[in-house]
Protein backbone atom coordinates (compact mmCIF):
# COMPACT_ATOMS: atom_id res chain seq x y z
CA MET A 1 3.30 28.73 -6.46
CA PRO A 2 1.37 27.11 -3.46
CA THR A 3 3.21 27.23 -0.01
CA PRO A 4 5.04 23.92 0.15
CA VAL A 5 3.56 21.24 2.70
CA THR A 6 6.19 18.50 2.48
CA GLU A 7 9.87 18.39 3.24
CA GLU A 8 10.50 17.49 -0.50
CA ALA A 9 8.42 20.36 -2.02
CA PRO A 10 11.09 23.11 -1.54
CA ILE A 11 13.48 21.17 -4.01
CA ILE A 12 10.81 21.70 -6.59
CA LEU A 13 10.16 25.35 -5.78
CA SER A 14 13.95 26.02 -5.99
CA LEU A 15 14.23 24.31 -9.30
CA TRP A 16 11.13 26.27 -10.65
CA GLN A 17 12.10 29.82 -9.46
CA GLY A 18 15.78 29.24 -10.79
CA SER A 19 14.27 28.27 -14.05
CA TRP A 20 11.92 31.31 -14.24
CA ALA A 21 14.89 33.49 -13.37
CA ALA A 22 17.11 32.18 -15.88
CA ALA A 23 14.55 32.25 -18.49
CA LEU A 24 13.65 35.83 -17.75
CA VAL A 25 17.38 37.15 -17.95
CA THR A 26 17.55 35.28 -21.32
CA GLY A 27 14.32 36.97 -22.41
CA VAL A 28 15.16 40.45 -21.72
CA LEU A 29 18.51 40.05 -23.39
CA VAL A 30 16.76 38.83 -26.54
CA TRP A 31 14.10 41.43 -26.30
CA ALA A 32 17.03 44.15 -25.90
CA LEU A 33 18.80 42.64 -28.92
CA ILE A 34 15.79 42.85 -31.05
CA LEU A 35 14.84 46.31 -30.15
CA TRP A 36 18.45 47.51 -30.61
CA ALA A 37 18.56 46.03 -34.07
CA CYS A 38 15.10 47.45 -34.86
CA PHE A 39 16.22 51.15 -34.13
CA ALA A 40 19.93 51.05 -34.61
CA TYR A 41 19.39 49.54 -38.40
CA ARG A 42 16.08 50.85 -39.31
CA ARG A 43 15.95 52.44 -42.77
CA THR A 44 15.52 56.33 -42.69
CA ARG A 45 14.57 59.04 -45.23
CA THR A 46 17.99 60.19 -45.79
CA LYS A 47 19.78 56.81 -45.97
CA ILE A 48 18.36 54.59 -48.46
CA GLU A 49 21.28 52.65 -49.52
CA VAL A 50 21.65 49.17 -48.84
CA PRO A 51 23.70 48.51 -45.49
CA PRO A 52 26.85 46.47 -45.50
CA GLN A 53 26.12 42.90 -45.67
CA THR A 54 28.07 40.51 -43.49
CA ARG A 55 28.15 36.69 -43.90
CA TYR A 56 29.82 33.99 -42.03
CA ASN A 57 30.62 35.59 -38.75
CA MET A 58 32.12 32.67 -37.17
CA PRO A 59 32.69 34.23 -33.76
CA LEU A 60 28.99 35.26 -33.74
CA GLU A 61 27.73 31.94 -34.91
CA ALA A 62 29.75 30.02 -32.43
CA LEU A 63 28.13 32.14 -29.72
CA TYR A 64 24.64 31.57 -30.68
CA THR A 65 25.42 27.96 -30.92
CA VAL A 66 27.51 27.53 -27.70
CA VAL A 67 25.27 29.61 -25.33
CA PRO A 68 21.94 27.68 -25.98
CA VAL A 69 23.95 24.42 -25.45
CA LEU A 70 25.24 25.69 -22.27
CA ILE A 71 21.91 26.90 -21.11
CA VAL A 72 20.23 23.60 -21.86
CA SER A 73 23.07 21.86 -20.08
CA VAL A 74 22.78 23.85 -17.05
CA PHE A 75 18.72 23.05 -17.04
CA PHE A 76 19.58 19.43 -17.72
CA PHE A 77 22.11 19.20 -14.60
CA PHE A 78 19.87 20.53 -12.03
CA THR A 79 16.50 18.89 -13.32
CA ALA A 80 18.39 15.67 -13.48
CA ARG A 81 19.95 16.06 -9.89
CA ASP A 82 16.50 17.11 -8.37
CA GLU A 83 14.48 14.27 -9.95
CA SER A 84 16.88 11.79 -8.83
CA LYS A 85 16.59 13.17 -5.37
CA LEU A 86 12.69 13.28 -5.60
CA LEU A 87 12.10 9.85 -6.98
CA GLU A 88 14.43 8.05 -4.64
CA LEU A 89 12.77 5.54 -2.45
CA SER A 90 13.77 4.47 1.03
CA ASP A 91 14.01 1.03 2.16
CA GLU A 92 11.25 0.99 4.70
CA PRO A 93 8.80 3.89 4.60
CA ALA A 94 6.73 4.59 7.52
CA HIS A 95 3.65 4.20 5.30
CA THR A 96 2.55 2.85 2.32
CA ILE A 97 -0.92 3.87 0.26
CA ASN A 98 -1.67 2.41 -2.86
CA VAL A 99 -3.51 5.27 -4.63
CA VAL A 100 -5.93 3.78 -7.43
CA GLY A 101 -7.24 6.14 -10.22
CA PHE A 102 -10.40 4.98 -11.90
CA GLN A 103 -13.10 6.94 -14.16
CA TRP A 104 -14.17 9.21 -12.20
CA SER A 105 -12.78 9.16 -8.84
CA TRP A 106 -10.07 7.89 -6.64
CA ALA A 107 -9.54 4.90 -4.17
CA PHE A 108 -6.95 4.54 -1.37
CA ASN A 109 -5.57 1.35 0.06
CA TYR A 110 -3.85 1.86 3.29
CA VAL A 111 -1.28 -0.92 3.39
CA GLU A 112 -1.17 -0.74 7.42
CA ASP A 113 -1.16 -3.37 10.15
CA VAL A 114 -4.03 -1.58 11.60
CA ASP A 115 -4.78 -4.09 14.53
CA GLY A 116 -1.15 -4.48 15.45
CA ASP A 117 -1.47 -8.12 15.14
CA THR A 118 1.21 -9.65 12.32
CA ALA A 119 -0.74 -12.67 11.83
CA THR A 120 -4.10 -11.11 10.84
CA GLY A 121 -2.97 -10.41 7.27
CA ASP A 122 -0.40 -10.38 4.50
CA ALA A 123 -0.46 -7.46 1.98
CA LYS A 124 2.22 -8.96 -0.14
CA LYS A 125 -0.15 -11.94 -0.97
CA ASP A 126 -3.40 -10.17 -1.26
CA LYS A 127 -4.99 -10.93 -4.68
CA ASP A 128 -6.63 -7.58 -4.83
CA LEU A 129 -3.06 -6.03 -4.82
CA LYS A 130 -1.56 -8.24 -7.43
CA ALA A 131 -0.97 -5.43 -9.75
CA ILE A 132 1.43 -4.04 -7.73
CA PRO A 133 5.06 -5.53 -8.73
CA ASP A 134 6.97 -7.52 -6.18
CA ARG A 135 9.78 -4.74 -5.89
CA PHE A 136 7.17 -2.36 -4.13
CA LYS A 137 5.76 -5.15 -2.01
CA ASP A 138 9.10 -5.65 -0.12
CA ALA A 139 8.32 -2.47 1.67
CA PHE A 140 4.74 -3.44 2.90
CA PRO A 141 4.60 -4.09 6.62
CA GLU A 142 4.30 -7.60 8.20
CA GLY A 143 0.61 -8.44 8.91
CA ALA A 144 -0.69 -5.66 7.06
CA GLU A 145 -4.62 -6.45 6.46
CA GLY A 146 -5.33 -2.73 5.39
CA VAL A 147 -8.13 -0.56 5.16
CA HIS A 148 -9.56 1.34 2.23
CA ALA A 149 -11.62 4.20 1.23
CA VAL A 150 -13.17 4.48 -2.30
CA GLY A 151 -14.60 8.06 -3.39
CA THR A 152 -17.31 9.31 -5.60
CA PRO A 153 -17.17 12.70 -7.70
CA GLY A 154 -20.08 13.63 -5.59
CA GLU A 155 -18.60 13.30 -2.26
CA ARG A 156 -17.55 16.45 -0.33
CA ASN A 157 -14.91 16.92 2.62
CA PRO A 158 -16.97 17.98 5.58
CA GLN A 159 -14.31 20.51 6.79
CA ASN A 160 -14.13 22.68 3.82
CA GLY A 161 -16.75 21.47 1.57
CA ASN A 162 -14.18 20.78 -1.17
CA PRO A 163 -15.47 17.78 -3.73
CA GLY A 164 -14.12 14.41 -3.77
CA PRO A 165 -12.83 11.64 -1.18
CA THR A 166 -10.43 12.47 1.33
CA LEU A 167 -6.80 11.03 1.76
CA TRP A 168 -5.49 11.04 5.29
CA LEU A 169 -1.70 11.20 6.06
CA PRO A 170 0.45 11.73 9.07
CA LYS A 171 2.59 14.79 9.51
CA GLY A 172 6.42 14.18 10.08
CA GLU A 173 6.25 10.69 8.69
CA LYS A 174 7.40 9.29 5.36
CA VAL A 175 4.63 8.07 3.13
CA ARG A 176 5.09 6.17 0.01
CA PHE A 177 2.59 6.54 -2.89
CA VAL A 178 1.94 3.40 -4.87
CA LEU A 179 0.46 4.58 -7.98
CA THR A 180 -2.06 2.18 -10.10
CA SER A 181 -5.09 2.70 -12.47
CA ARG A 182 -7.92 0.55 -13.43
CA ASP A 183 -8.66 1.84 -16.79
CA VAL A 184 -6.82 4.92 -18.51
CA ILE A 185 -3.94 7.33 -17.54
CA HIS A 186 -4.67 9.35 -14.81
CA SER A 187 -2.18 11.86 -12.72
CA PHE A 188 -1.94 11.93 -9.15
CA TRP A 189 -1.47 15.78 -8.27
CA VAL A 190 -1.66 17.23 -4.73
CA VAL A 191 -1.29 20.82 -5.27
CA PRO A 192 0.96 22.02 -2.42
CA PHE A 193 3.09 19.02 -3.01
CA LEU A 194 4.22 20.88 -6.11
CA MET A 195 4.73 17.47 -7.74
CA LYS A 196 2.52 15.09 -9.60
CA GLN A 197 3.06 11.78 -11.23
CA ASP A 198 1.18 9.75 -13.79
CA VAL A 199 -1.09 6.94 -12.84
CA ILE A 200 -0.76 4.40 -15.69
CA PRO A 201 -2.73 0.93 -16.54
CA GLY A 202 -0.28 -1.80 -16.66
CA HIS A 203 2.52 0.25 -15.11
CA THR A 204 3.17 1.14 -11.43
CA ASN A 205 4.73 4.56 -10.43
CA SER A 206 5.83 5.33 -6.89
CA PHE A 207 7.20 8.44 -4.90
CA GLU A 208 7.49 9.37 -1.19
CA VAL A 209 6.87 12.70 0.58
CA THR A 210 6.99 13.62 4.20
CA PRO A 211 4.32 15.95 5.17
CA ASN A 212 5.31 18.87 7.43
CA LYS A 213 2.16 20.96 7.72
CA GLU A 214 -1.32 20.00 9.08
CA GLY A 215 -4.34 20.84 7.04
CA THR A 216 -6.53 19.94 4.10
CA PHE A 217 -5.44 20.51 0.64
CA MET A 218 -6.69 20.05 -2.66
CA GLY A 219 -5.76 17.37 -5.12
CA LYS A 220 -6.75 16.58 -8.66
CA CYS A 221 -6.18 14.56 -11.71
CA ALA A 222 -3.75 16.39 -14.03
CA GLU A 223 -4.10 14.06 -17.20
CA LEU A 224 -7.12 14.38 -19.55
CA CYS A 225 -8.84 11.04 -18.84
CA GLY A 226 -12.16 11.40 -20.37
CA VAL A 227 -15.49 13.30 -20.34
CA ASP A 228 -15.59 13.82 -16.53
CA HIS A 229 -11.99 14.55 -15.97
CA SER A 230 -12.69 17.70 -14.39
CA ARG A 231 -14.72 15.81 -11.66
CA MET A 232 -11.60 13.83 -10.43
CA LEU A 233 -10.98 15.57 -7.32
CA PHE A 234 -9.87 14.74 -4.03
CA ASN A 235 -8.62 16.19 -0.79
CA VAL A 236 -5.50 15.46 1.31
CA LYS A 237 -5.81 15.97 5.15
CA VAL A 238 -2.57 15.61 7.19
CA VAL A 239 -3.09 15.23 10.81
CA SER A 240 -0.85 14.05 13.61
CA PRO A 241 0.29 10.30 13.91
CA GLU A 242 -2.14 9.59 16.52
CA ARG A 243 -5.16 11.07 14.68
CA TYR A 244 -3.96 9.25 11.62
CA GLN A 245 -4.05 6.03 13.40
CA GLN A 246 -7.43 6.69 14.78
CA HIS A 247 -8.74 7.34 11.42
CA LEU A 248 -7.48 3.90 10.11
CA GLU A 249 -9.13 2.37 13.19
CA GLU A 250 -12.52 4.26 12.29
CA LEU A 251 -12.27 2.77 8.71
CA ARG A 252 -11.97 -0.61 10.17
CA GLU A 253 -14.87 -0.23 12.25
CA LYS A 254 -16.82 0.78 9.26
CA GLY A 255 -15.97 -2.56 7.74
CA GLN A 256 -13.89 -0.92 5.03
CA THR A 257 -11.06 -3.59 5.62
CA GLY A 258 -9.00 -5.17 3.24
CA TYR A 259 -8.17 -3.70 -0.02
CA VAL A 260 -9.91 -2.63 -3.40
CA PRO A 261 -8.62 -4.16 -6.57
CA ALA A 262 -5.29 -1.95 -7.56
CA GLY A 263 -5.99 -2.08 -11.16
CA ILE A 264 -4.50 -3.63 -14.27
CA GLU A 265 -1.54 -5.95 -13.86
CA GLN A 266 1.84 -5.56 -15.36
CA THR A 267 2.64 -7.69 -18.20
CA ASP A 268 5.75 -10.05 -17.40
CA PRO A 269 7.98 -8.23 -19.92
CA ALA A 270 7.15 -4.99 -18.21
CA ARG A 271 7.95 -6.58 -14.65
CA ASN A 272 11.15 -7.92 -16.22
CA SER A 273 12.13 -4.85 -18.03
CA GLU A 274 11.87 -2.73 -14.65
CA LYS A 275 12.98 -4.95 -11.97
CA ASN A 276 16.43 -3.13 -11.56
CA GLN A 277 15.14 0.20 -11.32
CA LEU A 278 15.19 0.60 -7.50
């Protein structure tokens, strides 16, 4: 597994390692029993009679029913516990980024008050973000006029030459990703985050991470989304909070202000059915 680069990733690493350890122990036991039965009860040249037949061994049948149920229950407990922790959303994340998936690249809407003036923008009412449900907009900062970056498959990171656009994140500060799609289902996967989440048209997913290691890391779409799925790559650059703020200002100076359309809006029934999830 890649080295974790967020505060949340070790939870996933621990779950993954524990699952494989349990699976390996179970596998070794099963292999041992299979081999033992093959050799202990094989037919020999001197013993050709039919061996004693045993039916309805209740202790044995209870054992191979109860043990798998216990194994699945343990897996379920730890998975549900860790999933609840990983998908927990804070009331006020330090930063919110709308990740937009589209065929065949990514766009990043930085929902930030870049100029520090609360009177210059209102992301909660921005028409380009109408696809995002109100329950996520409650965490948007006041006066967030925002900046954006739109990638192309042929784009490359200047530092490492990796293909795709680059998403910038501040080290040591909690970031909420709000995931939306313009067309089909994609999947937002930053490899050393050890976590991915689907980007679904007409449905908004979200999760939070706190990057704790600076560097440039690989990201990709993990859902087969069409003929050029393999080109939906991107990079994540984790920098200091000061350098992150400087990057936002650079985007503003380039004229990349406001937001690109977030994607397909949720229907009213979908909004109503999910309003109590958070």
